[in-house]
Protein backbone atom coordinates (compact mmCIF):
# COMPACT_ATOMS: atom_id res chain seq x y z
CA MET A 1 62.72 134.89 87.67
CA SER A 2 59.19 136.15 87.46
CA GLN A 3 56.45 134.55 85.40
CA MET A 4 56.52 137.38 82.86
CA GLU A 5 60.18 136.73 82.08
CA ASN A 6 59.43 133.05 81.42
CA ASP A 7 56.62 134.02 79.04
CA VAL A 8 58.89 136.37 77.11
CA LYS A 9 61.57 133.69 76.98
CA ARG A 10 59.10 131.09 75.65
CA PHE A 11 57.81 133.57 73.06
CA PHE A 12 61.35 134.36 71.93
CA TRP A 13 62.18 130.64 71.55
CA ARG A 14 59.01 130.11 69.53
CA ILE A 15 60.17 132.79 67.12
CA VAL A 16 63.69 131.32 66.94
CA TYR A 17 62.43 127.76 66.36
CA SER A 18 59.95 128.92 63.72
CA VAL A 19 62.55 130.89 61.76
CA ALA A 20 65.13 128.10 62.10
CA LEU A 21 62.67 125.43 60.95
CA GLY A 22 61.65 127.57 57.98
CA LEU A 23 65.25 128.20 56.97
CA VAL A 24 66.17 124.51 57.30
CA TRP A 25 63.20 123.61 55.08
CA LEU A 26 64.15 126.30 52.57
CA PHE A 27 67.84 125.36 52.34
CA PHE A 28 67.09 121.63 52.26
CA THR A 29 64.43 121.65 49.56
CA PHE A 30 65.95 124.28 47.31
CA GLY A 31 69.44 122.89 47.85
CA ILE A 32 68.27 119.51 46.60
CA GLY A 33 66.43 121.15 43.70
CA ILE A 34 69.37 123.24 42.58
CA TYR A 35 71.92 120.44 43.02
CA ASN A 36 69.90 117.96 40.96
CA GLU A 37 68.77 120.63 38.46
CA TRP A 38 65.09 120.05 39.27
CA LEU A 39 64.29 123.57 40.47
CA ILE A 40 64.85 125.45 37.22
CA PRO A 41 63.86 123.38 34.18
CA GLU A 42 66.13 123.40 31.15
CA GLY A 43 63.97 123.66 28.06
CA LYS A 44 60.84 121.72 29.01
CA LEU A 45 59.49 120.24 32.22
CA HIS A 46 60.36 116.63 32.95
CA THR A 47 58.80 114.14 35.33
CA ALA A 48 61.54 114.81 37.90
CA ASN A 49 60.54 118.49 37.96
CA TYR A 50 56.92 117.61 38.69
CA VAL A 51 57.92 115.17 41.42
CA PHE A 52 60.19 117.79 42.99
CA TYR A 53 57.50 120.49 42.88
CA GLY A 54 55.04 118.05 44.45
CA PHE A 55 57.59 117.29 47.16
CA VAL A 56 58.03 121.01 47.80
CA LEU A 57 54.26 121.57 48.09
CA ILE A 58 53.73 118.60 50.40
CA THR A 59 56.63 119.52 52.68
CA LEU A 60 55.52 123.18 52.70
CA ALA A 61 52.03 122.10 53.78
CA ALA A 62 53.60 119.93 56.51
CA LEU A 63 55.77 122.84 57.65
CA ILE A 64 52.76 125.17 57.86
CA TRP A 65 50.79 122.53 59.77
CA ILE A 66 53.67 122.04 62.25
CA LEU A 67 54.07 125.78 62.77
CA PHE A 68 50.32 126.23 63.18
CA LYS A 69 50.22 123.56 65.90
CA PHE A 70 53.35 125.05 67.48
CA TRP A 71 51.83 128.55 67.68
CA LYS A 72 48.34 127.37 68.67
CA GLU A 73 49.14 127.34 72.40
CA LYS A 74 48.02 130.56 74.07
CA PHE A 75 50.12 132.45 76.56
CA PRO A 76 48.67 133.05 80.04
CA HIS A 77 48.60 136.82 79.58
CA GLY A 78 46.57 136.76 76.38
């Protein structure tokens, strides 16, 4: 295999890992929110809704930070 093929393969796996990590985060957080009825408030907001929304924001920030660090590495060809 040439070096270019390895670069394309690494780039492809970065895309796959990024999409998979995003989908796992999405299904996990919103699955928990829907199952426990924290995602869509009934009537008024309760403390559990605020805690859940805070959890979503913190984990989203962590996901963005992880993906930023993951994509920070440059490829040899530019």
